[in-house]
Structures are given as C-alpha cells and as structure tokens.
Amino acid sequence: MAKVISLPIWLTQESACNYLEDKLAQSAVVHPDVELDISLYANLIAHGYRRSGDQVYKPYCNDCQACISTRIPVKDFKPNRKQRRCMQKNQHTQVVIKTAEFNERHFDLYRRYQIARHQKAHEDGISRDDFLHFLSSRWSETWFVEFLIEGRLAAVAVVDQLFNALSAVYTYFDADFADYSPGVFAVLWQVEEARRRNLEFVYLGFWIADCRKMNYKIQYQPLEGLIADEWQLIHQQKI
C-alpha cells in the first residue's frame, strides 16, 4: 500500500445512488485547490480514489460499503474460456493509442453510445466540452485507445497511465460490434499492454456485487479489492 498523504477533502451532499435502489450516495472529493499530478494520483488510486475529469473522488456513504475499488494484478491474470474466445474473435482488431484530444469520430461514437446505452437526453444536449471534461484532465497522462474492426471505429477506451499501473477510466463502443465484446476486449488489451510495459496493475474502478452493470469485474481473475483499507483477493463465488 502506498503511503497515506493528508489532503483537504470535502464531502458531497447525499443524493440517490445510481447503482443501488433505495440507497443514498455520498462522495469524498479531493479539494479542487489541490495541485494534482500523476505521482499524487497514483497514491490516491491505491487508496480507493478514482478520476472523473479533473475531479478525484471515492464513495463515502453512511451505512453502505458496497462500492469496492478493484485492480487486476497483471502478472497473475489468467483469462477464462470466455475471455480467450473474445481474444480469438478480436485477433484482427487493430488497436491505436492516441493522445487525449478532441476527435470528431470519438465524439460521434460517444454521443451515440450515451443515447443508446444510457438513454441520455437528446444528442444535442451532449456537448464537446462535456465530452472532454468527463474523459480527460489537465494533469493526467491519458490515452484515447481506438479499436478498429474492418477499418471502422468499434470502440474507444479511455486509459490513464501511472508509474506502476494502467487505470481503465471509461470505454464506449458501437452497438454494431457487440458480438465482438468490445468492453471485454478493451480490458484484456489493457492487461496485456500493462504486462508489455512491466506495470503491476490495471485498475478497474468500483465493483458492486449486487449491481448488474458493476459486478462484471469479478470475471477478471485474480481480482484484488480494497477492503478495510487492505488490498485482498476477491473470489468469483462472492457474486
């Protein structure tokens, strides 16, 4: 575990939880006056924090500890049968690492994904500024990783590079390529890229056992979770 650093933290107001019904959510957020950089963020992510744009936060809910920070120990990871099939199906998928800059093709795919997947407001309500402010930040080393199938943009994975890890920030994809399991392949690619770069971990964000859209992370084994301030193995039978 990285050394604990004392920083000014503020708590958000409680609001309805986006993941669990009948629950209230609250976050601990690093004060915006703090000058963040990759070194500091690497320490924070090891203590359960995540990035959304420039904001760094972690759940801090009363009477609920369902959100568990997770990471894959790269050298120990072994894909299961379904993941191996995904890798085989994507053997001809082209992967291109790009800098975190505005790209019209990325924005168009992101907008379509939000409308189709998350029933977001009308496409005109998603602005270019919203797109960049959510996915990139002023201080992070962020990639926009393209996944191309037969020359078409199938998916984009937003990835932060840390000194000892990659952090999977967000992935969005074209529903026309759902049979290729682009979300799964994006994680598998990040594990292999981290291994190639001799990095220790791929951080996946929060695992919530009782939330269908968040419990998929348990499929990547071995998986470590930050429980009681200690990184511990989370086994698949804990679903």
C-alpha atoms as a PDB file:
ATOM      1  CA  MET A   1       0.000   0.000   0.000  1.00  0.00           C
ATOM      2  CA  ALA A   2       1.255   3.454  -0.901  1.00  0.00           C
ATOM      3  CA  LYS A   3       1.969   5.942   1.859  1.00  0.00           C
ATOM      4  CA  VAL A   4      -1.064   7.880   3.075  1.00  0.00           C
ATOM      5  CA  ILE A   5      -0.902  11.588   2.245  1.00  0.00           C
ATOM      6  CA  SER A   6      -3.006  14.123   4.131  1.00  0.00           C
ATOM      7  CA  LEU A   7      -5.065  16.271   1.746  1.00  0.00           C
ATOM      8  CA  PRO A   8      -8.061  18.577   2.134  1.00  0.00           C
ATOM      9  CA  ILE A   9     -11.207  16.575   1.372  1.00  0.00           C
ATOM     10  CA  TRP A  10     -14.791  17.758   1.122  1.00  0.00           C
ATOM     11  CA  LEU A  11     -17.971  15.669   1.205  1.00  0.00           C
ATOM     12  CA  THR A  12     -20.719  15.966  -1.357  1.00  0.00           C
ATOM     13  CA  GLN A  13     -24.340  16.133  -0.304  1.00  0.00           C
ATOM     14  CA  GLU A  14     -26.224  12.867  -0.188  1.00  0.00           C
ATOM     15  CA  SER A  15     -28.197  12.000  -3.308  1.00  0.00           C
ATOM     16  CA  ALA A  16     -29.939   8.968  -4.784  1.00  0.00           C
ATOM     17  CA  CYS A  17     -27.485   6.180  -5.580  1.00  0.00           C
ATOM     18  CA  ASN A  18     -27.033   5.478  -9.294  1.00  0.00           C
ATOM     19  CA  TYR A  19     -26.370   1.791  -8.681  1.00  0.00           C
ATOM     20  CA  LEU A  20     -28.468   0.510  -5.769  1.00  0.00           C
ATOM     21  CA  GLU A  21     -32.139   1.271  -5.296  1.00  0.00           C
ATOM     22  CA  ASP A  22     -33.270   2.822  -2.027  1.00  0.00           C
ATOM     23  CA  LYS A  23     -29.706   3.846  -1.193  1.00  0.00           C
ATOM     24  CA  LEU A  24     -28.211   7.290  -0.735  1.00  0.00           C
ATOM     25  CA  ALA A  25     -24.754   8.061  -2.087  1.00  0.00           C
ATOM     26  CA  GLN A  26     -22.082  10.455  -0.886  1.00  0.00           C
ATOM     27  CA  SER A  27     -18.527  11.015  -2.087  1.00  0.00           C
ATOM     28  CA  ALA A  28     -15.270  12.224  -0.590  1.00  0.00           C
ATOM     29  CA  VAL A  29     -13.708  14.584  -3.133  1.00  0.00           C
ATOM     30  CA  VAL A  30     -10.173  15.940  -3.195  1.00  0.00           C
ATOM     31  CA  HIS A  31     -10.456  19.711  -2.819  1.00  0.00           C
ATOM     32  CA  PRO A  32     -10.157  21.434  -6.226  1.00  0.00           C
ATOM     33  CA  ASP A  33      -7.399  23.725  -4.926  1.00  0.00           C
ATOM     34  CA  VAL A  34      -5.043  20.735  -4.583  1.00  0.00           C
ATOM     35  CA  GLU A  35      -2.425  20.670  -7.354  1.00  0.00           C
ATOM     36  CA  LEU A  36      -2.778  17.135  -8.658  1.00  0.00           C
ATOM     37  CA  ASP A  37      -0.234  15.260 -10.740  1.00  0.00           C
ATOM     38  CA  ILE A  38       0.357  11.674 -11.809  1.00  0.00           C
ATOM     39  CA  SER A  39       2.511  10.826  -8.780  1.00  0.00           C
ATOM     40  CA  LEU A  40      -0.113  12.051  -6.326  1.00  0.00           C
ATOM     41  CA  TYR A  41      -2.922  10.385  -8.244  1.00  0.00           C
ATOM     42  CA  ALA A  42      -1.057   7.055  -8.208  1.00  0.00           C
ATOM     43  CA  ASN A  43      -1.049   7.300  -4.413  1.00  0.00           C
ATOM     44  CA  LEU A  44      -4.723   8.246  -4.284  1.00  0.00           C
ATOM     45  CA  ILE A  45      -5.880   5.489  -6.618  1.00  0.00           C
ATOM     46  CA  ALA A  46      -4.057   2.961  -4.419  1.00  0.00           C
ATOM     47  CA  HIS A  47      -6.260   4.239  -1.578  1.00  0.00           C
ATOM     48  CA  GLY A  48      -9.520   3.774  -3.450  1.00  0.00           C
ATOM     49  CA  TYR A  49      -9.949   7.048  -5.327  1.00  0.00           C
ATOM     50  CA  ARG A  50     -10.971   7.448  -8.976  1.00  0.00           C
ATOM     51  CA  ARG A  51     -10.866  10.227 -11.529  1.00  0.00           C
ATOM     52  CA  SER A  52     -13.816  11.784 -13.358  1.00  0.00           C
ATOM     53  CA  GLY A  53     -12.436  14.612 -15.427  1.00  0.00           C
ATOM     54  CA  ASP A  54     -10.233  16.668 -13.116  1.00  0.00           C
ATOM     55  CA  GLN A  55     -12.206  15.580 -10.045  1.00  0.00           C
ATOM     56  CA  VAL A  56     -10.797  12.808  -7.847  1.00  0.00           C
ATOM     57  CA  TYR A  57     -13.237  11.081  -5.523  1.00  0.00           C
ATOM     58  CA  LYS A  58     -14.249   7.905  -3.733  1.00  0.00           C
ATOM     59  CA  PRO A  59     -17.556   6.725  -2.242  1.00  0.00           C
ATOM     60  CA  TYR A  60     -18.082   7.802   1.354  1.00  0.00           C
ATOM     61  CA  CYS A  61     -21.581   6.583   2.168  1.00  0.00           C
ATOM     62  CA  ASN A  62     -23.283   6.208   5.515  1.00  0.00           C
ATOM     63  CA  ASP A  63     -24.208   2.603   6.327  1.00  0.00           C
ATOM     64  CA  CYS A  64     -23.045   1.228   2.968  1.00  0.00           C
ATOM     65  CA  GLN A  65     -19.690  -0.106   1.790  1.00  0.00           C
ATOM     66  CA  ALA A  66     -20.919  -1.804  -1.376  1.00  0.00           C
ATOM     67  CA  CYS A  67     -18.516   0.041  -3.710  1.00  0.00           C
ATOM     68  CA  ILE A  68     -15.160  -1.735  -3.632  1.00  0.00           C
ATOM     69  CA  SER A  69     -12.147  -0.436  -5.552  1.00  0.00           C
ATOM     70  CA  THR A  70     -10.638  -3.154  -7.730  1.00  0.00           C
ATOM     71  CA  ARG A  71      -7.484  -3.901  -9.650  1.00  0.00           C
ATOM     72  CA  ILE A  72      -6.047  -6.795 -11.639  1.00  0.00           C
ATOM     73  CA  PRO A  73      -2.549  -7.993 -10.628  1.00  0.00           C
ATOM     74  CA  VAL A  74      -1.151  -8.197 -14.130  1.00  0.00           C
ATOM     75  CA  LYS A  75       1.452 -10.942 -13.740  1.00  0.00           C
ATOM     76  CA  ASP A  76      -1.081 -13.319 -12.168  1.00  0.00           C
ATOM     77  CA  PHE A  77      -4.007 -12.729 -14.525  1.00  0.00           C
ATOM     78  CA  LYS A  78      -5.294 -15.733 -16.466  1.00  0.00           C
ATOM     79  CA  PRO A  79      -8.135 -15.273 -18.963  1.00  0.00           C
ATOM     80  CA  ASN A  80     -11.063 -17.642 -18.620  1.00  0.00           C
ATOM     81  CA  ARG A  81     -12.580 -19.552 -21.529  1.00  0.00           C
ATOM     82  CA  LYS A  82     -14.995 -16.771 -22.479  1.00  0.00           C
ATOM     83  CA  GLN A  83     -12.204 -14.197 -22.403  1.00  0.00           C
ATOM     84  CA  ARG A  84      -9.962 -16.397 -24.537  1.00  0.00           C
ATOM     85  CA  ARG A  85     -12.772 -16.671 -27.100  1.00  0.00           C
ATOM     86  CA  CYS A  86     -13.056 -12.883 -27.062  1.00  0.00           C
ATOM     87  CA  MET A  87      -9.328 -12.534 -27.732  1.00  0.00           C
ATOM     88  CA  GLN A  88      -9.569 -15.019 -30.591  1.00  0.00           C
ATOM     89  CA  LYS A  89     -12.514 -13.206 -32.170  1.00  0.00           C
ATOM     90  CA  ASN A  90     -10.583  -9.928 -31.951  1.00  0.00           C
ATOM     91  CA  GLN A  91      -7.324 -11.280 -33.338  1.00  0.00           C
ATOM     92  CA  HIS A  92      -7.616  -8.935 -36.326  1.00  0.00           C
ATOM     93  CA  THR A  93      -8.865  -5.925 -34.356  1.00  0.00           C
ATOM     94  CA  GLN A  94      -6.481  -3.014 -34.842  1.00  0.00           C
ATOM     95  CA  VAL A  95      -5.546  -1.029 -31.725  1.00  0.00           C
ATOM     96  CA  VAL A  96      -4.261   2.545 -31.952  1.00  0.00           C
ATOM     97  CA  ILE A  97      -3.166   4.613 -28.931  1.00  0.00           C
ATOM     98  CA  LYS A  98      -3.952   8.316 -29.339  1.00  0.00           C
ATOM     99  CA  THR A  99      -3.484  11.319 -27.100  1.00  0.00           C
ATOM    100  CA  ALA A 100      -6.474  12.646 -25.167  1.00  0.00           C
ATOM    101  CA  GLU A 101      -7.504  15.322 -27.637  1.00  0.00           C
ATOM    102  CA  PHE A 102     -10.852  16.090 -29.206  1.00  0.00           C
ATOM    103  CA  ASN A 103     -11.647  13.845 -32.156  1.00  0.00           C
ATOM    104  CA  GLU A 104     -14.884  14.163 -34.116  1.00  0.00           C
ATOM    105  CA  ARG A 105     -15.166  10.402 -34.696  1.00  0.00           C
ATOM    106  CA  HIS A 106     -14.694   9.698 -30.993  1.00  0.00           C
ATOM    107  CA  PHE A 107     -17.273  12.316 -30.077  1.00  0.00           C
ATOM    108  CA  ASP A 108     -19.824  10.961 -32.552  1.00  0.00           C
ATOM    109  CA  LEU A 109     -19.410   7.427 -31.194  1.00  0.00           C
ATOM    110  CA  TYR A 110     -19.582   8.650 -27.586  1.00  0.00           C
ATOM    111  CA  ARG A 111     -22.770  10.586 -28.289  1.00  0.00           C
ATOM    112  CA  ARG A 112     -24.444   7.604 -29.966  1.00  0.00           C
ATOM    113  CA  TYR A 113     -23.347   5.329 -27.132  1.00  0.00           C
ATOM    114  CA  GLN A 114     -24.799   7.609 -24.457  1.00  0.00           C
ATOM    115  CA  ILE A 115     -28.122   7.911 -26.257  1.00  0.00           C
ATOM    116  CA  ALA A 116     -28.461   4.181 -26.979  1.00  0.00           C
ATOM    117  CA  ARG A 117     -26.966   2.734 -23.813  1.00  0.00           C
ATOM    118  CA  HIS A 118     -27.906   5.196 -21.122  1.00  0.00           C
ATOM    119  CA  GLN A 119     -30.984   6.930 -22.541  1.00  0.00           C
ATOM    120  CA  LYS A 120     -29.271  10.278 -22.190  1.00  0.00           C
ATOM    121  CA  ALA A 121     -31.028  13.445 -23.263  1.00  0.00           C
ATOM    122  CA  HIS A 122     -31.290  14.357 -26.921  1.00  0.00           C
ATOM    123  CA  GLU A 123     -27.935  14.147 -28.696  1.00  0.00           C
ATOM    124  CA  ASP A 124     -27.716  17.938 -28.959  1.00  0.00           C
ATOM    125  CA  GLY A 125     -27.541  18.023 -25.152  1.00  0.00           C
ATOM    126  CA  ILE A 126     -24.122  16.322 -25.133  1.00  0.00           C
ATOM    127  CA  SER A 127     -21.517  18.968 -25.885  1.00  0.00           C
ATOM    128  CA  ARG A 128     -17.894  18.687 -26.937  1.00  0.00           C
ATOM    129  CA  ASP A 129     -16.862  20.334 -23.676  1.00  0.00           C
ATOM    130  CA  ASP A 130     -18.870  17.779 -21.677  1.00  0.00           C
ATOM    131  CA  PHE A 131     -17.124  15.003 -23.581  1.00  0.00           C
ATOM    132  CA  LEU A 132     -13.586  16.225 -22.901  1.00  0.00           C
ATOM    133  CA  HIS A 133     -14.225  17.413 -19.344  1.00  0.00           C
ATOM    134  CA  PHE A 134     -15.587  13.977 -18.399  1.00  0.00           C
ATOM    135  CA  LEU A 135     -12.916  11.823 -20.025  1.00  0.00           C
ATOM    136  CA  SER A 136      -9.689  13.824 -19.859  1.00  0.00           C
ATOM    137  CA  SER A 137      -7.985  16.038 -17.308  1.00  0.00           C
ATOM    138  CA  ARG A 138      -5.348  18.751 -17.189  1.00  0.00           C
ATOM    139  CA  TRP A 139      -2.843  16.715 -15.178  1.00  0.00           C
ATOM    140  CA  SER A 140      -3.288  13.055 -16.159  1.00  0.00           C
ATOM    141  CA  GLU A 141      -1.393  11.061 -18.777  1.00  0.00           C
ATOM    142  CA  THR A 142      -4.438   9.832 -20.659  1.00  0.00           C
ATOM    143  CA  TRP A 143      -4.817   7.789 -23.828  1.00  0.00           C
ATOM    144  CA  PHE A 144      -7.823   7.514 -26.101  1.00  0.00           C
ATOM    145  CA  VAL A 145      -7.324   3.960 -27.378  1.00  0.00           C
ATOM    146  CA  GLU A 146      -9.081   3.155 -30.643  1.00  0.00           C
ATOM    147  CA  PHE A 147     -10.284  -0.345 -31.521  1.00  0.00           C
ATOM    148  CA  LEU A 148     -10.831  -0.709 -35.270  1.00  0.00           C
ATOM    149  CA  ILE A 149     -12.671  -3.620 -36.887  1.00  0.00           C
ATOM    150  CA  GLU A 150     -12.510  -3.801 -40.686  1.00  0.00           C
ATOM    151  CA  GLY A 151     -11.432  -0.173 -40.679  1.00  0.00           C
ATOM    152  CA  ARG A 152     -14.417   1.025 -38.655  1.00  0.00           C
ATOM    153  CA  LEU A 153     -14.169   2.586 -35.207  1.00  0.00           C
ATOM    154  CA  ALA A 154     -15.697  -0.091 -32.974  1.00  0.00           C
ATOM    155  CA  ALA A 155     -14.736   1.222 -29.532  1.00  0.00           C
ATOM    156  CA  VAL A 156     -12.652   3.728 -27.612  1.00  0.00           C
ATOM    157  CA  ALA A 157     -11.084   3.008 -24.230  1.00  0.00           C
ATOM    158  CA  VAL A 158     -10.022   5.940 -22.073  1.00  0.00           C
ATOM    159  CA  VAL A 159      -6.920   4.869 -20.131  1.00  0.00           C
ATOM    160  CA  ASP A 160      -4.707   6.666 -17.612  1.00  0.00           C
ATOM    161  CA  GLN A 161      -1.048   5.654 -17.418  1.00  0.00           C
ATOM    162  CA  LEU A 162       0.508   5.651 -13.944  1.00  0.00           C
ATOM    163  CA  PHE A 163       4.067   4.802 -12.963  1.00  0.00           C
ATOM    164  CA  ASN A 164       3.116   1.252 -11.937  1.00  0.00           C
ATOM    165  CA  ALA A 165      -0.310   0.711 -13.484  1.00  0.00           C
ATOM    166  CA  LEU A 166      -2.931   1.494 -16.072  1.00  0.00           C
ATOM    167  CA  SER A 167      -6.328   2.759 -14.981  1.00  0.00           C
ATOM    168  CA  ALA A 168      -9.407   1.915 -17.054  1.00  0.00           C
ATOM    169  CA  VAL A 169     -11.339   5.183 -16.945  1.00  0.00           C
ATOM    170  CA  TYR A 170     -14.173   4.546 -19.403  1.00  0.00           C
ATOM    171  CA  THR A 171     -14.988   2.526 -22.513  1.00  0.00           C
ATOM    172  CA  TYR A 172     -17.667   3.227 -25.099  1.00  0.00           C
ATOM    173  CA  PHE A 173     -18.452   1.291 -28.265  1.00  0.00           C
ATOM    174  CA  ASP A 174     -20.594   0.878 -31.364  1.00  0.00           C
ATOM    175  CA  ALA A 175     -23.516  -1.497 -30.776  1.00  0.00           C
ATOM    176  CA  ASP A 176     -22.979  -2.886 -34.291  1.00  0.00           C
ATOM    177  CA  PHE A 177     -19.889  -4.640 -32.916  1.00  0.00           C
ATOM    178  CA  ALA A 178     -21.457  -6.038 -29.747  1.00  0.00           C
ATOM    179  CA  ASP A 179     -20.693  -9.597 -30.916  1.00  0.00           C
ATOM    180  CA  TYR A 180     -17.006  -8.767 -30.524  1.00  0.00           C
ATOM    181  CA  SER A 181     -17.486  -7.941 -26.811  1.00  0.00           C
ATOM    182  CA  PRO A 182     -15.539  -4.682 -27.159  1.00  0.00           C
ATOM    183  CA  GLY A 183     -15.760  -3.823 -23.459  1.00  0.00           C
ATOM    184  CA  VAL A 184     -14.241  -7.161 -22.504  1.00  0.00           C
ATOM    185  CA  PHE A 185     -11.566  -6.924 -25.167  1.00  0.00           C
ATOM    186  CA  ALA A 186     -10.636  -3.412 -24.031  1.00  0.00           C
ATOM    187  CA  VAL A 187      -9.883  -4.709 -20.527  1.00  0.00           C
ATOM    188  CA  LEU A 188      -7.948  -7.708 -21.859  1.00  0.00           C
ATOM    189  CA  TRP A 189      -5.910  -5.418 -24.099  1.00  0.00           C
ATOM    190  CA  GLN A 190      -5.093  -3.151 -21.149  1.00  0.00           C
ATOM    191  CA  VAL A 191      -3.862  -6.130 -19.141  1.00  0.00           C
ATOM    192  CA  GLU A 192      -1.607  -7.221 -21.995  1.00  0.00           C
ATOM    193  CA  GLU A 193      -0.379  -3.665 -22.579  1.00  0.00           C
ATOM    194  CA  ALA A 194       0.390  -3.284 -18.868  1.00  0.00           C
ATOM    195  CA  ARG A 195       2.299  -6.568 -18.977  1.00  0.00           C
ATOM    196  CA  ARG A 196       4.239  -5.408 -22.025  1.00  0.00           C
ATOM    197  CA  ARG A 197       5.206  -2.223 -20.163  1.00  0.00           C
ATOM    198  CA  ASN A 198       6.139  -4.148 -16.976  1.00  0.00           C
ATOM    199  CA  LEU A 199       3.382  -2.491 -14.944  1.00  0.00           C
ATOM    200  CA  GLU A 200       1.909  -4.161 -11.876  1.00  0.00           C
ATOM    201  CA  PHE A 201      -1.814  -3.459 -12.066  1.00  0.00           C
ATOM    202  CA  VAL A 202      -4.819  -2.494 -14.138  1.00  0.00           C
ATOM    203  CA  TYR A 203      -7.305  -0.547 -12.019  1.00  0.00           C
ATOM    204  CA  LEU A 204     -10.911  -1.261 -12.995  1.00  0.00           C
ATOM    205  CA  GLY A 205     -12.842   1.075 -10.732  1.00  0.00           C
ATOM    206  CA  PHE A 206     -15.596   0.023  -8.362  1.00  0.00           C
ATOM    207  CA  TRP A 207     -17.095  -3.448  -8.087  1.00  0.00           C
ATOM    208  CA  ILE A 208     -20.615  -3.696  -6.657  1.00  0.00           C
ATOM    209  CA  ALA A 209     -21.743  -7.275  -6.089  1.00  0.00           C
ATOM    210  CA  ASP A 210     -25.471  -6.503  -6.216  1.00  0.00           C
ATOM    211  CA  CYS A 211     -25.373  -4.238  -9.270  1.00  0.00           C
ATOM    212  CA  ARG A 212     -25.533  -5.978 -12.642  1.00  0.00           C
ATOM    213  CA  LYS A 213     -23.696  -3.262 -14.564  1.00  0.00           C
ATOM    214  CA  MET A 214     -20.885  -3.122 -11.987  1.00  0.00           C
ATOM    215  CA  ASN A 215     -20.368  -6.745 -10.930  1.00  0.00           C
ATOM    216  CA  TYR A 216     -18.873  -7.891 -14.250  1.00  0.00           C
ATOM    217  CA  LYS A 217     -15.409  -7.025 -12.933  1.00  0.00           C
ATOM    218  CA  ILE A 218     -15.405 -10.199 -10.836  1.00  0.00           C
ATOM    219  CA  GLN A 219     -14.949 -12.155 -14.083  1.00  0.00           C
ATOM    220  CA  TYR A 220     -11.321 -10.967 -14.279  1.00  0.00           C
ATOM    221  CA  GLN A 221      -9.341 -13.267 -12.022  1.00  0.00           C
ATOM    222  CA  PRO A 222      -7.424 -12.906  -9.882  1.00  0.00           C
ATOM    223  CA  LEU A 223      -9.028  -9.638  -8.800  1.00  0.00           C
ATOM    224  CA  GLU A 224      -7.990  -7.558  -5.802  1.00  0.00           C
ATOM    225  CA  GLY A 225     -10.388  -5.364  -3.858  1.00  0.00           C
ATOM    226  CA  LEU A 226      -9.663  -2.639  -1.320  1.00  0.00           C
ATOM    227  CA  ILE A 227     -11.474  -3.931   1.766  1.00  0.00           C
ATOM    228  CA  ALA A 228     -10.936  -2.372   5.193  1.00  0.00           C
ATOM    229  CA  ASP A 229      -8.019  -0.390   3.715  1.00  0.00           C
ATOM    230  CA  GLU A 230      -6.217  -3.541   2.588  1.00  0.00           C
ATOM    231  CA  TRP A 231      -5.952  -4.998  -0.907  1.00  0.00           C
ATOM    232  CA  GLN A 232      -7.399  -8.513  -0.754  1.00  0.00           C
ATOM    233  CA  LEU A 233      -8.305 -11.137  -3.341  1.00  0.00           C
ATOM    234  CA  ILE A 234     -11.985 -11.178  -4.289  1.00  0.00           C
ATOM    235  CA  HIS A 235     -13.065 -14.605  -5.469  1.00  0.00           C
ATOM    236  CA  GLN A 236     -15.680 -15.238  -8.119  1.00  0.00           C
ATOM    237  CA  GLN A 237     -18.025 -17.095  -5.785  1.00  0.00           C
ATOM    238  CA  LYS A 238     -18.586 -13.800  -3.918  1.00  0.00           C
ATOM    239  CA  ILE A 239     -21.020 -12.628  -6.629  1.00  0.00           C
END
